[in-house]
């Protein structure tokens, strides 16, 4: 089970799925409010509700346990999932994500501030859709999240950002998710994470 970061979607894992799908069943859902999901206006969107959603998603697929792989805010969601559903996680692989006291990371705070004003999508995402070179620059998603931002393709930018701009509800949900990450949720689950004894690996770049 691959859990993507903010403000991306399951397309983030296409390279891993291409390499692994012949050997393992690979699932990379979009979490609520992100990507191509259609989420009711009344649904709360937060790392905690995402963890619950993933459990319900696995129930619907009749999957008891998974090898969990996560990046960025997906790592936050996945740690909450481990704490709440330890018996459902066989192994855990985390890459560049929120950890313990470093949640939210300082670099994310300006995006939370924009989300609180309801301007994150209009001021950060839409300009990058209109100017793909901006997206690949130090001020865009490429410079912020990619080792080689020059390799970020136009199609990828469209796949990540276009669905988040299409309706006022979607824009609001993108902001709701960002604001929900202002509070550190990981320190409170230290004990639960320590009690989980499955194999874990952290890969940082």
N, C-alpha and C. Protein backbone atom coordinates (compact mmCIF):
# COMPACT_ATOMS: atom_id res chain seq x y z
N UNK A 1 0.85 -1.18 0.00
CA UNK A 1 0.00 0.00 0.00
C UNK A 1 0.89 1.24 0.00
N UNK A 2 0.78 2.04 -1.04
CA UNK A 2 1.59 3.26 -1.19
C UNK A 2 0.74 4.47 -0.83
N UNK A 3 1.26 5.34 0.04
CA UNK A 3 0.52 6.51 0.50
C UNK A 3 1.28 7.77 0.07
N UNK A 4 0.65 8.57 -0.76
CA UNK A 4 1.30 9.73 -1.37
C UNK A 4 1.34 10.93 -0.43
N UNK A 5 2.11 11.94 -0.86
CA UNK A 5 2.24 13.16 -0.09
C UNK A 5 1.30 14.26 -0.55
N UNK A 6 1.43 15.42 0.08
CA UNK A 6 0.60 16.60 -0.19
C UNK A 6 1.39 17.55 -1.09
N UNK A 7 0.75 18.12 -2.11
CA UNK A 7 -0.63 17.97 -2.56
C UNK A 7 -0.70 17.07 -3.81
N UNK A 8 -0.12 15.91 -3.71
CA UNK A 8 0.00 15.01 -4.86
C UNK A 8 -1.12 13.96 -4.85
N UNK A 9 -0.91 12.87 -5.57
CA UNK A 9 -1.88 11.78 -5.60
C UNK A 9 -1.14 10.48 -5.90
N UNK A 10 -1.88 9.42 -6.11
CA UNK A 10 -1.26 8.12 -6.29
C UNK A 10 -0.34 8.01 -7.48
N UNK A 11 -0.45 8.95 -8.42
CA UNK A 11 0.45 8.97 -9.58
C UNK A 11 1.91 9.10 -9.14
N UNK A 12 2.12 9.62 -7.93
CA UNK A 12 3.47 9.75 -7.37
C UNK A 12 4.23 8.43 -7.40
N UNK A 13 3.51 7.32 -7.29
CA UNK A 13 4.14 6.01 -7.13
C UNK A 13 4.23 5.22 -8.44
N UNK A 14 4.02 5.87 -9.58
CA UNK A 14 3.98 5.15 -10.85
C UNK A 14 5.27 4.39 -11.12
N UNK A 15 6.41 4.97 -10.77
CA UNK A 15 7.68 4.30 -11.02
C UNK A 15 7.83 3.03 -10.20
N UNK A 16 7.45 3.10 -8.93
CA UNK A 16 7.52 1.92 -8.07
C UNK A 16 6.54 0.85 -8.54
N UNK A 17 5.33 1.27 -8.92
CA UNK A 17 4.34 0.30 -9.38
C UNK A 17 4.80 -0.40 -10.66
N UNK A 18 5.42 0.36 -11.54
CA UNK A 18 5.90 -0.23 -12.79
C UNK A 18 6.94 -1.31 -12.52
N UNK A 19 7.78 -1.08 -11.52
CA UNK A 19 8.84 -2.03 -11.21
C UNK A 19 8.34 -3.24 -10.41
N UNK A 20 7.32 -3.04 -9.59
CA UNK A 20 6.93 -4.07 -8.63
C UNK A 20 5.67 -4.85 -8.99
N UNK A 21 4.86 -4.35 -9.93
CA UNK A 21 3.54 -4.95 -10.12
C UNK A 21 3.59 -6.40 -10.59
N UNK A 22 4.69 -6.81 -11.20
CA UNK A 22 4.80 -8.20 -11.64
C UNK A 22 5.11 -9.14 -10.47
N UNK A 23 5.53 -8.57 -9.36
CA UNK A 23 5.96 -9.38 -8.23
C UNK A 23 5.00 -9.31 -7.04
N UNK A 24 4.32 -8.17 -6.90
CA UNK A 24 3.43 -7.98 -5.76
C UNK A 24 2.18 -7.24 -6.20
N UNK A 25 1.11 -7.42 -5.45
CA UNK A 25 -0.07 -6.58 -5.67
C UNK A 25 0.24 -5.20 -5.11
N UNK A 26 0.12 -4.18 -5.93
CA UNK A 26 0.48 -2.81 -5.55
C UNK A 26 -0.75 -1.91 -5.64
N UNK A 27 -1.00 -1.16 -4.58
CA UNK A 27 -2.18 -0.29 -4.52
C UNK A 27 -1.72 1.10 -4.11
N UNK A 28 -2.12 2.11 -4.87
CA UNK A 28 -1.72 3.49 -4.59
C UNK A 28 -2.94 4.41 -4.70
N UNK A 29 -3.77 4.46 -3.68
CA UNK A 29 -4.99 5.26 -3.74
C UNK A 29 -4.71 6.75 -3.60
N UNK A 30 -5.64 7.56 -4.06
CA UNK A 30 -5.66 8.98 -3.73
C UNK A 30 -6.39 9.14 -2.40
N UNK A 31 -5.80 9.90 -1.48
CA UNK A 31 -6.51 10.13 -0.22
C UNK A 31 -7.59 11.18 -0.42
N UNK A 32 -8.49 11.29 0.52
CA UNK A 32 -9.65 12.18 0.39
C UNK A 32 -9.22 13.64 0.17
N UNK A 33 -9.89 14.27 -0.78
CA UNK A 33 -9.61 15.66 -1.07
C UNK A 33 -8.44 15.88 -2.01
N UNK A 34 -7.67 14.86 -2.27
CA UNK A 34 -6.52 14.95 -3.16
C UNK A 34 -6.81 14.21 -4.47
N UNK A 35 -6.00 14.51 -5.47
CA UNK A 35 -6.11 13.77 -6.72
C UNK A 35 -7.51 13.80 -7.31
N UNK A 36 -7.97 12.63 -7.69
CA UNK A 36 -9.24 12.51 -8.41
C UNK A 36 -10.39 12.04 -7.51
N UNK A 37 -10.18 12.09 -6.20
CA UNK A 37 -11.25 11.68 -5.29
C UNK A 37 -12.41 12.67 -5.35
N UNK A 38 -13.61 12.16 -5.14
CA UNK A 38 -14.80 12.98 -5.00
C UNK A 38 -15.28 12.81 -3.56
N UNK A 39 -15.01 13.80 -2.74
CA UNK A 39 -15.24 13.69 -1.30
C UNK A 39 -16.39 14.60 -0.89
N UNK A 40 -17.37 14.09 -0.15
CA UNK A 40 -18.51 14.92 0.26
C UNK A 40 -18.06 16.14 1.06
N UNK A 41 -18.80 17.22 0.92
CA UNK A 41 -18.47 18.46 1.62
C UNK A 41 -18.48 18.27 3.13
N UNK A 42 -19.30 17.36 3.62
CA UNK A 42 -19.42 17.15 5.07
C UNK A 42 -18.31 16.27 5.65
N UNK A 43 -17.48 15.68 4.82
CA UNK A 43 -16.44 14.78 5.29
C UNK A 43 -15.24 15.56 5.83
N UNK A 44 -14.86 15.29 7.06
CA UNK A 44 -13.64 15.88 7.61
C UNK A 44 -12.43 15.30 6.89
N UNK A 45 -11.48 16.15 6.58
CA UNK A 45 -10.27 15.72 5.87
C UNK A 45 -9.07 16.08 6.72
N UNK A 46 -8.36 15.07 7.18
CA UNK A 46 -7.20 15.26 8.05
C UNK A 46 -6.36 14.00 8.01
N UNK A 47 -5.14 14.04 8.55
CA UNK A 47 -4.34 12.81 8.61
C UNK A 47 -5.06 11.69 9.35
N UNK A 48 -5.78 12.03 10.40
CA UNK A 48 -6.49 11.01 11.18
C UNK A 48 -7.60 10.36 10.37
N UNK A 49 -8.39 11.17 9.67
CA UNK A 49 -9.48 10.58 8.87
C UNK A 49 -8.92 9.82 7.67
N UNK A 50 -7.76 10.24 7.17
CA UNK A 50 -7.13 9.48 6.09
C UNK A 50 -6.72 8.09 6.58
N UNK A 51 -6.19 8.01 7.78
CA UNK A 51 -5.80 6.70 8.33
C UNK A 51 -7.01 5.79 8.44
N UNK A 52 -8.12 6.35 8.91
CA UNK A 52 -9.35 5.57 9.01
C UNK A 52 -9.85 5.16 7.63
N UNK A 53 -9.78 6.09 6.68
CA UNK A 53 -10.21 5.80 5.31
C UNK A 53 -9.40 4.65 4.72
N UNK A 54 -8.09 4.64 4.96
CA UNK A 54 -7.26 3.57 4.42
C UNK A 54 -7.67 2.21 4.98
N UNK A 55 -8.01 2.18 6.26
CA UNK A 55 -8.47 0.92 6.85
C UNK A 55 -9.78 0.46 6.20
N UNK A 56 -10.69 1.39 5.99
CA UNK A 56 -11.96 1.04 5.34
C UNK A 56 -11.75 0.64 3.89
N UNK A 57 -10.81 1.29 3.24
CA UNK A 57 -10.45 0.96 1.86
C UNK A 57 -9.94 -0.48 1.78
N UNK A 58 -9.06 -0.85 2.71
CA UNK A 58 -8.54 -2.21 2.73
C UNK A 58 -9.64 -3.22 3.05
N UNK A 59 -10.55 -2.84 3.94
CA UNK A 59 -11.69 -3.71 4.24
C UNK A 59 -12.50 -3.99 2.98
N UNK A 60 -12.74 -2.94 2.20
CA UNK A 60 -13.53 -3.09 0.98
C UNK A 60 -12.85 -4.01 -0.02
N UNK A 61 -11.52 -4.04 0.02
CA UNK A 61 -10.76 -4.91 -0.88
C UNK A 61 -10.46 -6.27 -0.26
N UNK A 62 -10.96 -6.48 0.95
CA UNK A 62 -10.75 -7.75 1.68
C UNK A 62 -9.26 -8.03 1.88
N UNK A 63 -8.54 -6.98 2.27
CA UNK A 63 -7.11 -7.09 2.55
C UNK A 63 -6.89 -6.94 4.05
N UNK A 64 -6.30 -7.94 4.67
CA UNK A 64 -6.10 -7.91 6.11
C UNK A 64 -4.89 -7.10 6.53
N UNK A 65 -3.77 -7.25 5.80
CA UNK A 65 -2.54 -6.57 6.20
C UNK A 65 -1.74 -6.20 4.96
N UNK A 66 -0.84 -5.22 5.15
CA UNK A 66 -0.11 -4.67 4.01
C UNK A 66 1.34 -4.38 4.38
N UNK A 67 2.16 -4.25 3.35
CA UNK A 67 3.46 -3.61 3.48
C UNK A 67 3.24 -2.15 3.12
N UNK A 68 3.52 -1.27 4.06
CA UNK A 68 3.14 0.14 3.94
C UNK A 68 4.34 0.97 3.51
N UNK A 69 4.17 1.74 2.43
CA UNK A 69 5.23 2.60 1.89
C UNK A 69 4.67 4.02 1.79
N UNK A 70 5.42 5.01 2.31
CA UNK A 70 4.84 6.35 2.36
C UNK A 70 5.91 7.43 2.23
N UNK A 71 5.46 8.59 1.75
CA UNK A 71 6.32 9.75 1.57
C UNK A 71 5.60 11.00 2.03
N UNK A 72 6.37 11.99 2.54
CA UNK A 72 5.83 13.31 2.85
C UNK A 72 4.68 13.18 3.86
N UNK A 73 3.58 13.88 3.63
CA UNK A 73 2.45 13.77 4.56
C UNK A 73 1.87 12.37 4.60
N UNK A 74 2.11 11.59 3.55
CA UNK A 74 1.70 10.19 3.59
C UNK A 74 2.39 9.42 4.69
N UNK A 75 3.60 9.85 5.05
CA UNK A 75 4.30 9.24 6.17
C UNK A 75 3.62 9.54 7.49
N UNK A 76 3.10 10.75 7.63
CA UNK A 76 2.32 11.11 8.81
C UNK A 76 1.08 10.23 8.91
N UNK A 77 0.35 10.13 7.82
CA UNK A 77 -0.85 9.29 7.79
C UNK A 77 -0.51 7.84 8.11
N UNK A 78 0.58 7.37 7.56
CA UNK A 78 0.95 5.96 7.74
C UNK A 78 1.36 5.66 9.18
N UNK A 79 2.04 6.59 9.83
CA UNK A 79 2.37 6.38 11.23
C UNK A 79 1.12 6.34 12.10
N UNK A 80 0.16 7.19 11.79
CA UNK A 80 -1.12 7.13 12.49
C UNK A 80 -1.81 5.79 12.24
N UNK A 81 -1.70 5.29 11.02
CA UNK A 81 -2.28 4.00 10.67
C UNK A 81 -1.62 2.88 11.48
N UNK A 82 -0.29 2.91 11.58
CA UNK A 82 0.43 1.91 12.37
C UNK A 82 -0.02 1.95 13.83
N UNK A 83 -0.17 3.15 14.37
CA UNK A 83 -0.56 3.28 15.78
C UNK A 83 -1.97 2.75 16.03
N UNK A 84 -2.87 2.98 15.09
CA UNK A 84 -4.26 2.59 15.28
C UNK A 84 -4.55 1.16 14.84
N UNK A 85 -3.82 0.69 13.83
CA UNK A 85 -4.08 -0.65 13.27
C UNK A 85 -2.77 -1.44 13.16
N UNK A 86 -2.06 -1.63 14.25
CA UNK A 86 -0.73 -2.26 14.16
C UNK A 86 -0.76 -3.66 13.55
N UNK A 87 -1.86 -4.37 13.77
CA UNK A 87 -1.95 -5.74 13.27
C UNK A 87 -2.10 -5.79 11.75
N UNK A 88 -2.37 -4.65 11.13
CA UNK A 88 -2.58 -4.61 9.69
C UNK A 88 -1.32 -4.24 8.91
N UNK A 89 -0.24 -3.96 9.62
CA UNK A 89 0.99 -3.51 8.95
C UNK A 89 2.07 -4.57 9.12
N UNK A 90 2.46 -5.20 8.02
CA UNK A 90 3.53 -6.20 8.06
C UNK A 90 4.90 -5.53 8.13
N UNK A 91 5.11 -4.55 7.25
CA UNK A 91 6.37 -3.82 7.21
C UNK A 91 6.07 -2.35 6.91
N UNK A 92 7.04 -1.48 7.24
CA UNK A 92 6.86 -0.04 7.04
C UNK A 92 8.12 0.53 6.39
N UNK A 93 7.92 1.27 5.29
CA UNK A 93 9.02 1.98 4.63
C UNK A 93 8.62 3.45 4.51
N UNK A 94 9.39 4.32 5.15
CA UNK A 94 9.12 5.76 5.11
C UNK A 94 10.23 6.48 4.36
N UNK A 95 9.84 7.42 3.51
CA UNK A 95 10.81 8.27 2.83
C UNK A 95 10.44 9.72 3.07
N UNK A 96 11.44 10.54 3.37
CA UNK A 96 11.28 11.99 3.55
C UNK A 96 9.87 12.40 3.99
N UNK A 97 9.61 12.33 5.28
CA UNK A 97 8.26 12.62 5.76
C UNK A 97 8.29 13.21 7.17
N UNK A 98 7.11 13.57 7.65
CA UNK A 98 6.97 14.03 9.03
C UNK A 98 7.42 12.94 9.99
N UNK A 99 8.17 13.33 11.01
CA UNK A 99 8.57 12.37 12.05
C UNK A 99 8.58 13.07 13.41
N UNK A 100 7.98 12.44 14.38
CA UNK A 100 7.99 12.85 15.77
C UNK A 100 7.79 14.37 15.91
N UNK A 101 8.78 15.10 16.46
CA UNK A 101 8.60 16.53 16.69
C UNK A 101 8.64 17.35 15.40
N UNK A 102 9.19 16.79 14.35
CA UNK A 102 9.29 17.51 13.08
C UNK A 102 8.02 17.32 12.26
N UNK A 103 6.92 17.80 12.82
CA UNK A 103 5.62 17.67 12.17
C UNK A 103 4.71 18.79 12.68
N UNK A 104 4.33 19.75 11.86
CA UNK A 104 4.73 19.84 10.46
C UNK A 104 6.15 20.35 10.31
N UNK A 105 6.83 19.99 9.22
CA UNK A 105 8.16 20.53 8.97
C UNK A 105 8.09 22.05 8.80
N UNK A 106 9.11 22.78 9.22
CA UNK A 106 9.08 24.25 9.09
C UNK A 106 8.81 24.72 7.67
N UNK A 107 9.30 23.96 6.68
CA UNK A 107 9.12 24.37 5.28
C UNK A 107 7.66 24.37 4.86
N UNK A 108 6.83 23.65 5.61
CA UNK A 108 5.42 23.53 5.23
C UNK A 108 4.56 24.65 5.83
N UNK A 109 5.08 25.36 6.80
CA UNK A 109 4.28 26.37 7.50
C UNK A 109 3.75 27.48 6.59
N UNK A 110 4.52 27.97 5.61
CA UNK A 110 3.95 28.99 4.72
C UNK A 110 2.74 28.48 3.93
N UNK A 111 2.72 27.21 3.60
CA UNK A 111 1.58 26.66 2.87
C UNK A 111 0.35 26.55 3.78
N UNK A 112 0.58 26.23 5.04
CA UNK A 112 -0.52 26.22 6.00
C UNK A 112 -1.10 27.63 6.14
N UNK A 113 -0.23 28.63 6.19
CA UNK A 113 -0.69 30.01 6.31
C UNK A 113 -1.55 30.40 5.11
N UNK A 114 -1.13 30.03 3.91
CA UNK A 114 -1.93 30.32 2.72
C UNK A 114 -3.25 29.56 2.75
N UNK A 115 -3.20 28.31 3.21
CA UNK A 115 -4.42 27.50 3.27
C UNK A 115 -5.42 28.11 4.25
N UNK A 116 -4.94 28.66 5.34
CA UNK A 116 -5.84 29.30 6.31
C UNK A 116 -6.59 30.47 5.69
N UNK A 117 -5.93 31.14 4.77
CA UNK A 117 -6.56 32.28 4.08
C UNK A 117 -7.40 31.83 2.88
N UNK A 118 -7.32 30.54 2.56
CA UNK A 118 -8.07 30.02 1.42
C UNK A 118 -7.44 30.37 0.09
N UNK A 119 -6.14 30.70 0.10
CA UNK A 119 -5.49 31.16 -1.13
C UNK A 119 -4.42 30.20 -1.64
N UNK A 120 -4.25 29.05 -1.00
CA UNK A 120 -3.16 28.15 -1.38
C UNK A 120 -3.25 27.70 -2.84
N UNK A 121 -4.42 27.26 -3.25
CA UNK A 121 -4.57 26.76 -4.62
C UNK A 121 -4.36 27.89 -5.63
N UNK A 122 -4.98 29.04 -5.38
CA UNK A 122 -4.90 30.14 -6.34
C UNK A 122 -3.49 30.73 -6.42
N UNK A 123 -2.79 30.77 -5.30
CA UNK A 123 -1.49 31.45 -5.27
C UNK A 123 -0.31 30.50 -5.49
N UNK A 124 -0.50 29.20 -5.26
CA UNK A 124 0.62 28.28 -5.40
C UNK A 124 0.44 27.28 -6.53
N UNK A 125 -0.74 26.68 -6.63
CA UNK A 125 -0.93 25.62 -7.62
C UNK A 125 -1.26 26.14 -9.01
N UNK A 126 -2.23 27.04 -9.10
CA UNK A 126 -2.67 27.51 -10.42
C UNK A 126 -1.54 28.21 -11.19
N UNK A 127 -0.72 29.06 -10.56
CA UNK A 127 0.39 29.64 -11.32
C UNK A 127 1.33 28.60 -11.92
N UNK A 128 1.50 27.48 -11.25
CA UNK A 128 2.37 26.43 -11.79
C UNK A 128 1.72 25.67 -12.94
N UNK A 129 0.40 25.59 -12.92
CA UNK A 129 -0.30 25.01 -14.07
C UNK A 129 -0.17 25.93 -15.29
N UNK A 130 -0.22 27.23 -15.04
CA UNK A 130 -0.13 28.20 -16.13
C UNK A 130 1.29 28.38 -16.65
N UNK A 131 2.27 28.07 -15.81
CA UNK A 131 3.68 28.25 -16.18
C UNK A 131 4.46 27.05 -15.67
N UNK A 132 4.62 26.06 -16.53
CA UNK A 132 5.27 24.81 -16.10
C UNK A 132 6.74 25.03 -15.72
N UNK A 133 7.36 26.06 -16.29
CA UNK A 133 8.74 26.35 -15.90
C UNK A 133 8.80 26.84 -14.46
N UNK A 134 7.79 27.57 -14.03
CA UNK A 134 7.69 27.97 -12.62
C UNK A 134 7.62 26.73 -11.74
N UNK A 135 6.85 25.74 -12.17
CA UNK A 135 6.73 24.51 -11.39
C UNK A 135 8.07 23.81 -11.24
N UNK A 136 8.93 23.94 -12.24
CA UNK A 136 10.24 23.29 -12.20
C UNK A 136 11.31 24.15 -11.52
N UNK A 137 10.94 25.36 -11.14
CA UNK A 137 11.91 26.29 -10.56
C UNK A 137 12.03 26.08 -9.05
N UNK A 138 12.92 26.85 -8.43
CA UNK A 138 13.12 26.75 -6.98
C UNK A 138 11.87 27.16 -6.21
N UNK A 139 11.00 27.96 -6.83
CA UNK A 139 9.78 28.42 -6.17
C UNK A 139 8.61 27.46 -6.36
N UNK A 140 8.78 26.45 -7.20
CA UNK A 140 7.69 25.53 -7.50
C UNK A 140 7.86 24.18 -6.84
N UNK A 141 6.95 23.28 -7.17
CA UNK A 141 6.98 21.94 -6.60
C UNK A 141 8.26 21.21 -6.97
N UNK A 142 8.80 21.51 -8.14
CA UNK A 142 10.03 20.86 -8.57
C UNK A 142 11.20 21.17 -7.65
N UNK A 143 11.40 22.47 -7.40
CA UNK A 143 12.50 22.87 -6.54
C UNK A 143 12.31 22.47 -5.10
N UNK A 144 11.06 22.38 -4.67
CA UNK A 144 10.77 22.06 -3.27
C UNK A 144 10.80 20.56 -2.99
N UNK A 145 10.48 19.75 -3.99
CA UNK A 145 10.26 18.32 -3.70
C UNK A 145 11.04 17.36 -4.58
N UNK A 146 11.75 17.85 -5.57
CA UNK A 146 12.41 16.96 -6.53
C UNK A 146 13.92 17.12 -6.49
N UNK A 147 14.63 16.01 -6.57
CA UNK A 147 16.08 16.04 -6.67
C UNK A 147 16.51 16.59 -8.02
N UNK A 148 15.77 16.24 -9.07
CA UNK A 148 16.05 16.71 -10.43
C UNK A 148 14.80 17.38 -10.99
N UNK A 149 14.52 18.61 -10.57
CA UNK A 149 13.27 19.26 -10.98
C UNK A 149 13.14 19.46 -12.48
N UNK A 150 14.26 19.52 -13.19
CA UNK A 150 14.20 19.71 -14.63
C UNK A 150 13.56 18.52 -15.34
N UNK A 151 13.47 17.39 -14.65
CA UNK A 151 12.85 16.20 -15.24
C UNK A 151 11.34 16.12 -14.99
N UNK A 152 10.82 17.09 -14.26
CA UNK A 152 9.39 17.12 -13.98
C UNK A 152 8.63 17.44 -15.26
N UNK A 153 7.82 16.50 -15.73
CA UNK A 153 7.14 16.65 -17.01
C UNK A 153 5.84 17.43 -16.88
N UNK A 154 5.44 18.09 -17.97
CA UNK A 154 4.19 18.84 -17.98
C UNK A 154 3.01 17.95 -17.59
N UNK A 155 2.98 16.74 -18.12
CA UNK A 155 1.88 15.82 -17.82
C UNK A 155 1.78 15.53 -16.33
N UNK A 156 2.93 15.41 -15.68
CA UNK A 156 2.94 15.14 -14.25
C UNK A 156 2.37 16.31 -13.47
N UNK A 157 2.76 17.52 -13.83
CA UNK A 157 2.24 18.71 -13.17
C UNK A 157 0.73 18.77 -13.33
N UNK A 158 0.24 18.51 -14.54
CA UNK A 158 -1.20 18.52 -14.80
C UNK A 158 -1.91 17.45 -13.97
N UNK A 159 -1.34 16.27 -13.91
CA UNK A 159 -1.98 15.16 -13.19
C UNK A 159 -2.07 15.45 -11.70
N UNK A 160 -1.05 16.07 -11.15
CA UNK A 160 -1.06 16.39 -9.73
C UNK A 160 -1.99 17.55 -9.39
N UNK A 161 -1.91 18.63 -10.15
CA UNK A 161 -2.53 19.88 -9.73
C UNK A 161 -3.89 20.18 -10.35
N UNK A 162 -4.12 19.78 -11.60
CA UNK A 162 -5.36 20.16 -12.28
C UNK A 162 -6.61 19.72 -11.52
N UNK A 163 -6.66 18.48 -11.01
CA UNK A 163 -7.88 18.06 -10.30
C UNK A 163 -8.17 18.89 -9.06
N UNK A 164 -7.15 19.51 -8.48
CA UNK A 164 -7.32 20.26 -7.24
C UNK A 164 -7.86 21.66 -7.47
N UNK A 165 -7.97 22.06 -8.73
CA UNK A 165 -8.38 23.43 -9.05
C UNK A 165 -9.77 23.51 -9.67
N UNK A 166 -10.42 22.37 -9.87
CA UNK A 166 -11.59 22.33 -10.75
C UNK A 166 -12.88 22.84 -10.13
N UNK A 167 -13.01 22.79 -8.81
CA UNK A 167 -14.23 23.28 -8.17
C UNK A 167 -13.88 24.01 -6.88
N UNK A 168 -14.75 24.93 -6.44
CA UNK A 168 -14.52 25.59 -5.15
C UNK A 168 -14.42 24.59 -3.99
N UNK A 169 -15.21 23.51 -4.06
CA UNK A 169 -15.16 22.50 -3.00
C UNK A 169 -13.79 21.84 -2.95
N UNK A 170 -13.28 21.48 -4.11
CA UNK A 170 -11.97 20.82 -4.16
C UNK A 170 -10.89 21.75 -3.61
N UNK A 171 -10.94 23.02 -3.98
CA UNK A 171 -9.98 23.98 -3.46
C UNK A 171 -10.07 24.07 -1.94
N UNK A 172 -11.29 24.10 -1.43
CA UNK A 172 -11.48 24.19 0.01
C UNK A 172 -10.95 22.95 0.72
N UNK A 173 -11.13 21.80 0.12
CA UNK A 173 -10.66 20.56 0.74
C UNK A 173 -9.14 20.47 0.74
N UNK A 174 -8.51 20.99 -0.31
CA UNK A 174 -7.05 21.05 -0.35
C UNK A 174 -6.54 21.90 0.82
N UNK A 175 -7.19 23.03 1.04
CA UNK A 175 -6.81 23.89 2.16
C UNK A 175 -7.13 23.26 3.50
N UNK A 176 -8.27 22.60 3.59
CA UNK A 176 -8.66 21.96 4.85
C UNK A 176 -7.61 20.93 5.28
N UNK A 177 -7.13 20.16 4.33
CA UNK A 177 -6.13 19.15 4.65
C UNK A 177 -4.84 19.80 5.16
N UNK A 178 -4.40 20.87 4.49
CA UNK A 178 -3.18 21.55 4.91
C UNK A 178 -3.32 22.09 6.33
N UNK A 179 -4.43 22.76 6.61
CA UNK A 179 -4.64 23.34 7.94
C UNK A 179 -4.68 22.26 9.01
N UNK A 180 -5.23 21.11 8.67
CA UNK A 180 -5.33 20.01 9.65
C UNK A 180 -3.96 19.49 10.07
N UNK A 181 -2.94 19.77 9.28
CA UNK A 181 -1.59 19.30 9.61
C UNK A 181 -0.80 20.29 10.45
N UNK A 182 -1.44 21.38 10.86
CA UNK A 182 -0.74 22.36 11.70
C UNK A 182 -0.43 21.80 13.08
N UNK A 183 -1.30 20.96 13.59
CA UNK A 183 -1.10 20.35 14.91
C UNK A 183 -0.26 19.09 14.80
N UNK A 184 0.74 18.97 15.64
CA UNK A 184 1.57 17.77 15.66
C UNK A 184 0.77 16.61 16.25
N UNK A 185 0.63 15.55 15.47
CA UNK A 185 -0.12 14.37 15.91
C UNK A 185 0.78 13.20 16.26
N UNK A 186 2.08 13.34 16.01
CA UNK A 186 2.98 12.20 16.14
C UNK A 186 3.55 12.02 17.54
N UNK A 187 3.83 13.11 18.23
CA UNK A 187 4.39 12.98 19.58
C UNK A 187 3.46 12.18 20.47
N UNK A 188 2.16 12.37 20.30
CA UNK A 188 1.18 11.69 21.15
C UNK A 188 1.11 10.19 20.91
N UNK A 189 1.65 9.72 19.79
CA UNK A 189 1.57 8.27 19.50
C UNK A 189 2.94 7.59 19.58
N UNK A 190 3.88 8.23 20.24
CA UNK A 190 5.21 7.62 20.38
C UNK A 190 5.12 6.21 20.97
N UNK A 191 4.35 6.07 22.04
CA UNK A 191 4.28 4.77 22.71
C UNK A 191 3.72 3.70 21.79
N UNK A 192 2.66 4.05 21.04
CA UNK A 192 2.06 3.08 20.13
C UNK A 192 3.05 2.67 19.04
N UNK A 193 3.80 3.63 18.53
CA UNK A 193 4.79 3.30 17.50
C UNK A 193 5.91 2.43 18.06
N UNK A 194 6.33 2.71 19.29
CA UNK A 194 7.37 1.90 19.91
C UNK A 194 6.90 0.46 20.15
N UNK A 195 5.62 0.31 20.40
CA UNK A 195 5.10 -1.04 20.67
C UNK A 195 4.99 -1.88 19.40
N UNK A 196 4.92 -1.22 18.26
CA UNK A 196 4.85 -1.98 17.01
C UNK A 196 6.23 -2.53 16.69
N UNK A 197 6.35 -3.82 16.50
CA UNK A 197 7.65 -4.48 16.36
C UNK A 197 7.92 -5.01 14.95
N UNK A 198 7.17 -4.54 13.98
CA UNK A 198 7.40 -5.00 12.61
C UNK A 198 8.67 -4.42 12.01
N UNK A 199 9.15 -5.00 10.92
CA UNK A 199 10.33 -4.46 10.22
C UNK A 199 10.03 -3.07 9.66
N UNK A 200 10.97 -2.14 9.86
CA UNK A 200 10.79 -0.78 9.37
C UNK A 200 12.10 -0.27 8.76
N UNK A 201 11.96 0.55 7.76
CA UNK A 201 13.13 1.17 7.15
C UNK A 201 12.79 2.62 6.81
N UNK A 202 13.78 3.49 6.98
CA UNK A 202 13.62 4.90 6.64
C UNK A 202 14.66 5.25 5.58
N UNK A 203 14.21 5.83 4.47
CA UNK A 203 15.09 6.20 3.37
C UNK A 203 14.97 7.71 3.17
N UNK A 204 16.04 8.42 3.46
CA UNK A 204 16.01 9.88 3.39
C UNK A 204 16.93 10.38 2.29
N UNK A 205 16.50 11.43 1.60
CA UNK A 205 17.31 12.05 0.55
C UNK A 205 17.54 13.52 0.93
